[in-house]
PDB file of N, CA and C in Angstrom:
ATOM      1  N   MET A   1      52.680 228.029  33.569  1.00  0.00           N
ATOM      2  CA  MET A   1      53.772 227.091  33.765  1.00  0.00           C
ATOM      3  C   MET A   1      53.164 225.688  33.906  1.00  0.00           C
ATOM      4  N   ASP A   2      53.716 224.720  33.188  1.00  0.00           N
ATOM      5  CA  ASP A   2      53.170 223.362  33.250  1.00  0.00           C
ATOM      6  C   ASP A   2      53.636 222.651  34.528  1.00  0.00           C
ATOM      7  N   LYS A   3      53.041 221.478  34.782  1.00  0.00           N
ATOM      8  CA  LYS A   3      53.309 220.727  36.016  1.00  0.00           C
ATOM      9  C   LYS A   3      54.786 220.383  36.172  1.00  0.00           C
ATOM     10  N   LYS A   4      55.423 219.927  35.107  1.00  0.00           N
ATOM     11  CA  LYS A   4      56.832 219.544  35.181  1.00  0.00           C
ATOM     12  C   LYS A   4      57.712 220.746  35.529  1.00  0.00           C
ATOM     13  N   ALA A   5      57.427 221.873  34.928  1.00  0.00           N
ATOM     14  CA  ALA A   5      58.195 223.083  35.213  1.00  0.00           C
ATOM     15  C   ALA A   5      58.020 223.511  36.673  1.00  0.00           C
ATOM     16  N   LEU A   6      56.799 223.407  37.198  1.00  0.00           N
ATOM     17  CA  LEU A   6      56.552 223.751  38.603  1.00  0.00           C
ATOM     18  C   LEU A   6      57.312 222.818  39.548  1.00  0.00           C
ATOM     19  N   ILE A   7      57.293 221.526  39.240  1.00  0.00           N
ATOM     20  CA  ILE A   7      58.025 220.567  40.066  1.00  0.00           C
ATOM     21  C   ILE A   7      59.507 220.890  40.043  1.00  0.00           C
ATOM     22  N   ASN A   8      60.047 221.138  38.868  1.00  0.00           N
ATOM     23  CA  ASN A   8      61.466 221.475  38.760  1.00  0.00           C
ATOM     24  C   ASN A   8      61.809 222.746  39.517  1.00  0.00           C
ATOM     25  N   LYS A   9      60.928 223.721  39.443  1.00  0.00           N
ATOM     26  CA  LYS A   9      61.198 225.001  40.100  1.00  0.00           C
ATOM     27  C   LYS A   9      61.213 224.872  41.624  1.00  0.00           C
ATOM     28  N   TYR A  10      60.260 224.137  42.188  1.00  0.00           N
ATOM     29  CA  TYR A  10      60.106 224.123  43.644  1.00  0.00           C
ATOM     30  C   TYR A  10      60.691 222.898  44.352  1.00  0.00           C
ATOM     31  N   PHE A  11      60.934 221.813  43.635  1.00  0.00           N
ATOM     32  CA  PHE A  11      61.385 220.603  44.312  1.00  0.00           C
ATOM     33  C   PHE A  11      62.746 220.097  43.865  1.00  0.00           C
ATOM     34  N   GLN A  12      63.197 220.457  42.720  1.00  0.00           N
ATOM     35  CA  GLN A  12      64.488 219.966  42.241  1.00  0.00           C
ATOM     36  C   GLN A  12      65.599 220.896  42.733  1.00  0.00           C
ATOM     37  N   LYS A  13      66.154 220.561  43.890  1.00  0.00           N
ATOM     38  CA  LYS A  13      67.150 221.413  44.542  1.00  0.00           C
ATOM     39  C   LYS A  13      68.501 220.697  44.680  1.00  0.00           C
ATOM     40  N   ALA A  14      68.744 219.706  43.826  1.00  0.00           N
ATOM     41  CA  ALA A  14      69.983 218.931  43.923  1.00  0.00           C
ATOM     42  C   ALA A  14      71.213 219.821  43.833  1.00  0.00           C
ATOM     43  N   HIS A  15      71.130 220.895  43.096  1.00  0.00           N
ATOM     44  CA  HIS A  15      72.280 221.788  42.966  1.00  0.00           C
ATOM     45  C   HIS A  15      72.668 222.429  44.302  1.00  0.00           C
ATOM     46  N   LEU A  16      71.750 222.461  45.261  1.00  0.00           N
ATOM     47  CA  LEU A  16      72.054 222.998  46.585  1.00  0.00           C
ATOM     48  C   LEU A  16      72.630 221.940  47.524  1.00  0.00           C
ATOM     49  N   LEU A  17      72.422 220.663  47.197  1.00  0.00           N
ATOM     50  CA  LEU A  17      72.858 219.569  48.055  1.00  0.00           C
ATOM     51  C   LEU A  17      74.226 219.067  47.631  1.00  0.00           C
ATOM     52  N   GLN A  18      75.185 219.941  47.668  1.00  0.00           N
ATOM     53  CA  GLN A  18      76.553 219.623  47.299  1.00  0.00           C
ATOM     54  C   GLN A  18      77.471 220.159  48.380  1.00  0.00           C
ATOM     55  N   VAL A  19      78.573 219.487  48.571  1.00  0.00           N
ATOM     56  CA  VAL A  19      79.490 219.891  49.628  1.00  0.00           C
ATOM     57  C   VAL A  19      80.100 221.261  49.333  1.00  0.00           C
ATOM     58  N   ARG A  20      80.076 221.684  48.090  1.00  0.00           N
ATOM     59  CA  ARG A  20      80.548 223.043  47.773  1.00  0.00           C
ATOM     60  C   ARG A  20      79.664 224.101  48.418  1.00  0.00           C
ATOM     61  N   ASN A  21      78.408 223.750  48.701  1.00  0.00           N
ATOM     62  CA  ASN A  21      77.489 224.641  49.399  1.00  0.00           C
ATOM     63  C   ASN A  21      77.871 224.610  50.878  1.00  0.00           C
ATOM     64  N   SER A  22      78.391 225.708  51.420  1.00  0.00           N
ATOM     65  CA  SER A  22      78.925 225.726  52.785  1.00  0.00           C
ATOM     66  C   SER A  22      77.861 225.390  53.835  1.00  0.00           C
ATOM     67  N   PHE A  23      76.632 225.840  53.636  1.00  0.00           N
ATOM     68  CA  PHE A  23      75.562 225.526  54.588  1.00  0.00           C
ATOM     69  C   PHE A  23      75.318 224.019  54.616  1.00  0.00           C
ATOM     70  N   TYR A  24      75.256 223.396  53.451  1.00  0.00           N
ATOM     71  CA  TYR A  24      75.037 221.953  53.368  1.00  0.00           C
ATOM     72  C   TYR A  24      76.233 221.193  53.952  1.00  0.00           C
ATOM     73  N   ALA A  25      77.439 221.649  53.670  1.00  0.00           N
ATOM     74  CA  ALA A  25      78.641 221.005  54.206  1.00  0.00           C
ATOM     75  C   ALA A  25      78.644 221.062  55.731  1.00  0.00           C
ATOM     76  N   ASN A  26      78.295 222.208  56.311  1.00  0.00           N
ATOM     77  CA  ASN A  26      78.230 222.344  57.768  1.00  0.00           C
ATOM     78  C   ASN A  26      77.138 221.456  58.360  1.00  0.00           C
ATOM     79  N   THR A  27      76.003 221.375  57.667  1.00  0.00           N
ATOM     80  CA  THR A  27      74.909 220.523  58.125  1.00  0.00           C
ATOM     81  C   THR A  27      75.337 219.060  58.118  1.00  0.00           C
ATOM     82  N   LEU A  28      76.007 218.624  57.052  1.00  0.00           N
ATOM     83  CA  LEU A  28      76.503 217.247  56.969  1.00  0.00           C
ATOM     84  C   LEU A  28      77.501 216.958  58.080  1.00  0.00           C
ATOM     85  N   SER A  29      78.414 217.874  58.286  1.00  0.00           N
ATOM     86  CA  SER A  29      79.431 217.697  59.317  1.00  0.00           C
ATOM     87  C   SER A  29      78.786 217.564  60.694  1.00  0.00           C
ATOM     88  N   SER A  30      77.840 218.429  60.987  1.00  0.00           N
ATOM     89  CA  SER A  30      77.136 218.372  62.273  1.00  0.00           C
ATOM     90  C   SER A  30      76.371 217.063  62.427  1.00  0.00           C
ATOM     91  N   LEU A  31      75.722 216.635  61.357  1.00  0.00           N
ATOM     92  CA  LEU A  31      74.969 215.387  61.396  1.00  0.00           C
ATOM     93  C   LEU A  31      75.891 214.199  61.657  1.00  0.00           C
ATOM     94  N   PHE A  32      77.009 214.119  60.946  1.00  0.00           N
ATOM     95  CA  PHE A  32      77.932 213.011  61.137  1.00  0.00           C
ATOM     96  C   PHE A  32      78.532 213.020  62.539  1.00  0.00           C
ATOM     97  N   GLN A  33      78.853 214.192  63.058  1.00  0.00           N
ATOM     98  CA  GLN A  33      79.381 214.277  64.418  1.00  0.00           C
ATOM     99  C   GLN A  33      78.348 213.784  65.424  1.00  0.00           C
ATOM    100  N   TRP A  34      77.089 214.162  65.219  1.00  0.00           N
ATOM    101  CA  TRP A  34      76.019 213.708  66.111  1.00  0.00           C
ATOM    102  C   TRP A  34      75.834 212.201  66.016  1.00  0.00           C
ATOM    103  N   LEU A  35      75.860 211.663  64.795  1.00  0.00           N
ATOM    104  CA  LEU A  35      75.691 210.220  64.607  1.00  0.00           C
ATOM    105  C   LEU A  35      76.803 209.430  65.301  1.00  0.00           C
ATOM    106  N   VAL A  36      78.036 209.881  65.141  1.00  0.00           N
ATOM    107  CA  VAL A  36      79.162 209.186  65.781  1.00  0.00           C
ATOM    108  C   VAL A  36      79.046 209.284  67.300  1.00  0.00           C
ATOM    109  N   ALA A  37      78.702 210.444  67.809  1.00  0.00           N
ATOM    110  CA  ALA A  37      78.582 210.630  69.258  1.00  0.00           C
ATOM    111  C   ALA A  37      77.464 209.772  69.847  1.00  0.00           C
ATOM    112  N   ASN A  38      76.425 209.511  69.077  1.00  0.00           N
ATOM    113  CA  ASN A  38      75.274 208.769  69.581  1.00  0.00           C
ATOM    114  C   ASN A  38      75.276 207.298  69.189  1.00  0.00           C
ATOM    115  N   ASP A  39      76.320 206.839  68.547  1.00  0.00           N
ATOM    116  CA  ASP A  39      76.423 205.442  68.166  1.00  0.00           C
ATOM    117  C   ASP A  39      77.030 204.671  69.329  1.00  0.00           C
ATOM    118  N   SER A  40      76.196 204.018  70.099  1.00  0.00           N
ATOM    119  CA  SER A  40      76.652 203.302  71.294  1.00  0.00           C
ATOM    120  C   SER A  40      77.126 201.899  70.926  1.00  0.00           C
ATOM    121  N   THR A  41      78.315 201.812  70.330  1.00  0.00           N
ATOM    122  CA  THR A  41      78.816 200.500  69.918  1.00  0.00           C
ATOM    123  C   THR A  41      79.114 199.594  71.102  1.00  0.00           C
ATOM    124  N   CYS A  42      79.393 200.176  72.258  1.00  0.00           N
ATOM    125  CA  CYS A  42      79.669 199.334  73.414  1.00  0.00           C
ATOM    126  C   CYS A  42      78.406 198.615  73.889  1.00  0.00           C
ATOM    127  N   GLU A  43      77.242 199.098  73.503  1.00  0.00           N
ATOM    128  CA  GLU A  43      75.986 198.465  73.884  1.00  0.00           C
ATOM    129  C   GLU A  43      75.339 197.727  72.702  1.00  0.00           C
ATOM    130  N   ASP A  44      75.983 197.707  71.559  1.00  0.00           N
ATOM    131  CA  ASP A  44      75.436 197.073  70.369  1.00  0.00           C
ATOM    132  C   ASP A  44      75.614 195.563  70.447  1.00  0.00           C
ATOM    133  N   LYS A  45      74.522 194.807  70.316  1.00  0.00           N
ATOM    134  CA  LYS A  45      74.569 193.353  70.458  1.00  0.00           C
ATOM    135  C   LYS A  45      75.461 192.695  69.404  1.00  0.00           C
ATOM    136  N   THR A  46      75.383 193.144  68.158  1.00  0.00           N
ATOM    137  CA  THR A  46      76.207 192.557  67.101  1.00  0.00           C
ATOM    138  C   THR A  46      77.682 192.818  67.353  1.00  0.00           C
ATOM    139  N   THR A  47      78.021 194.043  67.717  1.00  0.00           N
ATOM    140  CA  THR A  47      79.413 194.383  68.007  1.00  0.00           C
ATOM    141  C   THR A  47      79.942 193.542  69.163  1.00  0.00           C
ATOM    142  N   ASN A  48      79.148 193.405  70.210  1.00  0.00           N
ATOM    143  CA  ASN A  48      79.574 192.593  71.363  1.00  0.00           C
ATOM    144  C   ASN A  48      79.701 191.124  70.987  1.00  0.00           C
ATOM    145  N   TYR A  49      78.775 190.607  70.225  1.00  0.00           N
ATOM    146  CA  TYR A  49      78.816 189.199  69.829  1.00  0.00           C
ATOM    147  C   TYR A  49      80.049 188.900  68.976  1.00  0.00           C
ATOM    148  N   LEU A  50      80.370 189.798  68.058  1.00  0.00           N
ATOM    149  CA  LEU A  50      81.523 189.599  67.177  1.00  0.00           C
ATOM    150  C   LEU A  50      82.837 190.019  67.833  1.00  0.00           C
ATOM    151  N   LYS A  51      82.760 190.564  69.053  1.00  0.00           N
ATOM    152  CA  LYS A  51      83.937 191.010  69.805  1.00  0.00           C
ATOM    153  C   LYS A  51      84.773 192.018  69.010  1.00  0.00           C
ATOM    154  N   ILE A  52      84.073 192.963  68.414  1.00  0.00           N
ATOM    155  CA  ILE A  52      84.750 194.011  67.642  1.00  0.00           C
ATOM    156  C   ILE A  52      85.253 195.067  68.617  1.00  0.00           C
ATOM    157  N   LYS A  53      86.551 195.284  68.628  1.00  0.00           N
ATOM    158  CA  LYS A  53      87.151 196.246  69.557  1.00  0.00           C
ATOM    159  C   LYS A  53      87.849 197.398  68.853  1.00  0.00           C
ATOM    160  N   SER A  54      88.064 197.293  67.562  1.00  0.00           N
ATOM    161  CA  SER A  54      88.819 198.340  66.861  1.00  0.00           C
ATOM    162  C   SER A  54      87.903 199.130  65.923  1.00  0.00           C
ATOM    163  N   VAL A  55      88.413 200.259  65.518  1.00  0.00           N
ATOM    164  CA  VAL A  55      87.706 201.110  64.561  1.00  0.00           C
ATOM    165  C   VAL A  55      88.389 200.946  63.208  1.00  0.00           C
ATOM    166  N   SER A  56      87.591 200.824  62.164  1.00  0.00           N
ATOM    167  CA  SER A  56      88.141 200.658  60.819  1.00  0.00           C
ATOM    168  C   SER A  56      87.598 201.743  59.901  1.00  0.00           C
ATOM    169  N   LYS A  57      88.322 201.956  58.828  1.00  0.00           N
ATOM    170  CA  LYS A  57      87.886 202.906  57.811  1.00  0.00           C
ATOM    171  C   LYS A  57      87.820 202.173  56.481  1.00  0.00           C
ATOM    172  N   ALA A  58      86.946 202.653  55.616  1.00  0.00           N
ATOM    173  CA  ALA A  58      86.820 202.055  54.286  1.00  0.00           C
ATOM    174  C   ALA A  58      86.609 203.153  53.266  1.00  0.00           C
ATOM    175  N   CYS A  59      87.017 202.881  52.073  1.00  0.00           N
ATOM    176  CA  CYS A  59      86.797 203.792  50.958  1.00  0.00           C
ATOM    177  C   CYS A  59      85.906 203.053  49.964  1.00  0.00           C
ATOM    178  N   ILE A  60      84.743 203.598  49.713  1.00  0.00           N
ATOM    179  CA  ILE A  60      83.797 202.968  48.798  1.00  0.00           C
ATOM    180  C   ILE A  60      83.829 203.741  47.491  1.00  0.00           C
ATOM    181  N   ILE A  61      84.121 203.040  46.424  1.00  0.00           N
ATOM    182  CA  ILE A  61      84.171 203.653  45.096  1.00  0.00           C
ATOM    183  C   ILE A  61      83.036 203.057  44.280  1.00  0.00           C
ATOM    184  N   SER A  62      82.177 203.910  43.773  1.00  0.00           N
ATOM    185  CA  SER A  62      81.030 203.448  43.007  1.00  0.00           C
ATOM    186  C   SER A  62      81.046 204.070  41.622  1.00  0.00           C
ATOM    187  N   LYS A  63      80.650 203.293  40.653  1.00  0.00           N
ATOM    188  CA  LYS A  63      80.582 203.799  39.286  1.00  0.00           C
ATOM    189  C   LYS A  63      79.205 204.384  38.974  1.00  0.00           C
ATOM    190  N   GLN A  64      78.288 204.275  39.929  1.00  0.00           N
ATOM    191  CA  GLN A  64      76.960 204.855  39.749  1.00  0.00           C
ATOM    192  C   GLN A  64      76.411 205.248  41.113  1.00  0.00           C
ATOM    193  N   GLU A  65      75.312 205.987  41.109  1.00  0.00           N
ATOM    194  CA  GLU A  65      74.707 206.398  42.360  1.00  0.00           C
ATOM    195  C   GLU A  65      74.225 205.169  43.117  1.00  0.00           C
ATOM    196  N   LEU A  66      74.278 205.247  44.467  1.00  0.00           N
ATOM    197  CA  LEU A  66      73.832 204.126  45.262  1.00  0.00           C
ATOM    198  C   LEU A  66      73.266 204.615  46.570  1.00  0.00           C
ATOM    199  N   LEU A  67      72.580 203.722  47.239  1.00  0.00           N
ATOM    200  CA  LEU A  67      72.051 203.982  48.572  1.00  0.00           C
ATOM    201  C   LEU A  67      72.718 202.976  49.488  1.00  0.00           C
ATOM    202  N   LEU A  68      73.443 203.449  50.474  1.00  0.00           N
ATOM    203  CA  LEU A  68      74.205 202.592  51.370  1.00  0.00           C
ATOM    204  C   LEU A  68      73.606 202.700  52.752  1.00  0.00           C
ATOM    205  N   SER A  69      73.350 201.554  53.364  1.00  0.00           N
ATOM    206  CA  SER A  69      72.792 201.579  54.707  1.00  0.00           C
ATOM    207  C   SER A  69      73.441 200.491  55.552  1.00  0.00           C
ATOM    208  N   GLY A  70      73.170 200.530  56.818  1.00  0.00           N
ATOM    209  CA  GLY A  70      73.664 199.503  57.707  1.00  0.00           C
ATOM    210  C   GLY A  70      75.082 199.706  58.192  1.00  0.00           C
ATOM    211  N   LEU A  71      75.555 200.934  58.167  1.00  0.00           N
ATOM    212  CA  LEU A  71      76.918 201.194  58.650  1.00  0.00           C
ATOM    213  C   LEU A  71      76.859 201.685  60.081  1.00  0.00           C
TER     214      LEU A  71
END
């Protein structure tokens, strides 16, 4: 087996990282719940400076893959 085939066999697992995969969906849900529980916005300097008191929701629509940070 050539190098590319070995890499694909052992490292290319994107098909498992989908919400249709119940284990992955449960892991994501647990992670998000933990992140929200541990996000101390009342102690966040930016939140306090901007006097943010409400919670907002947003829907992000992308035409291509992206990496989103800073939320």
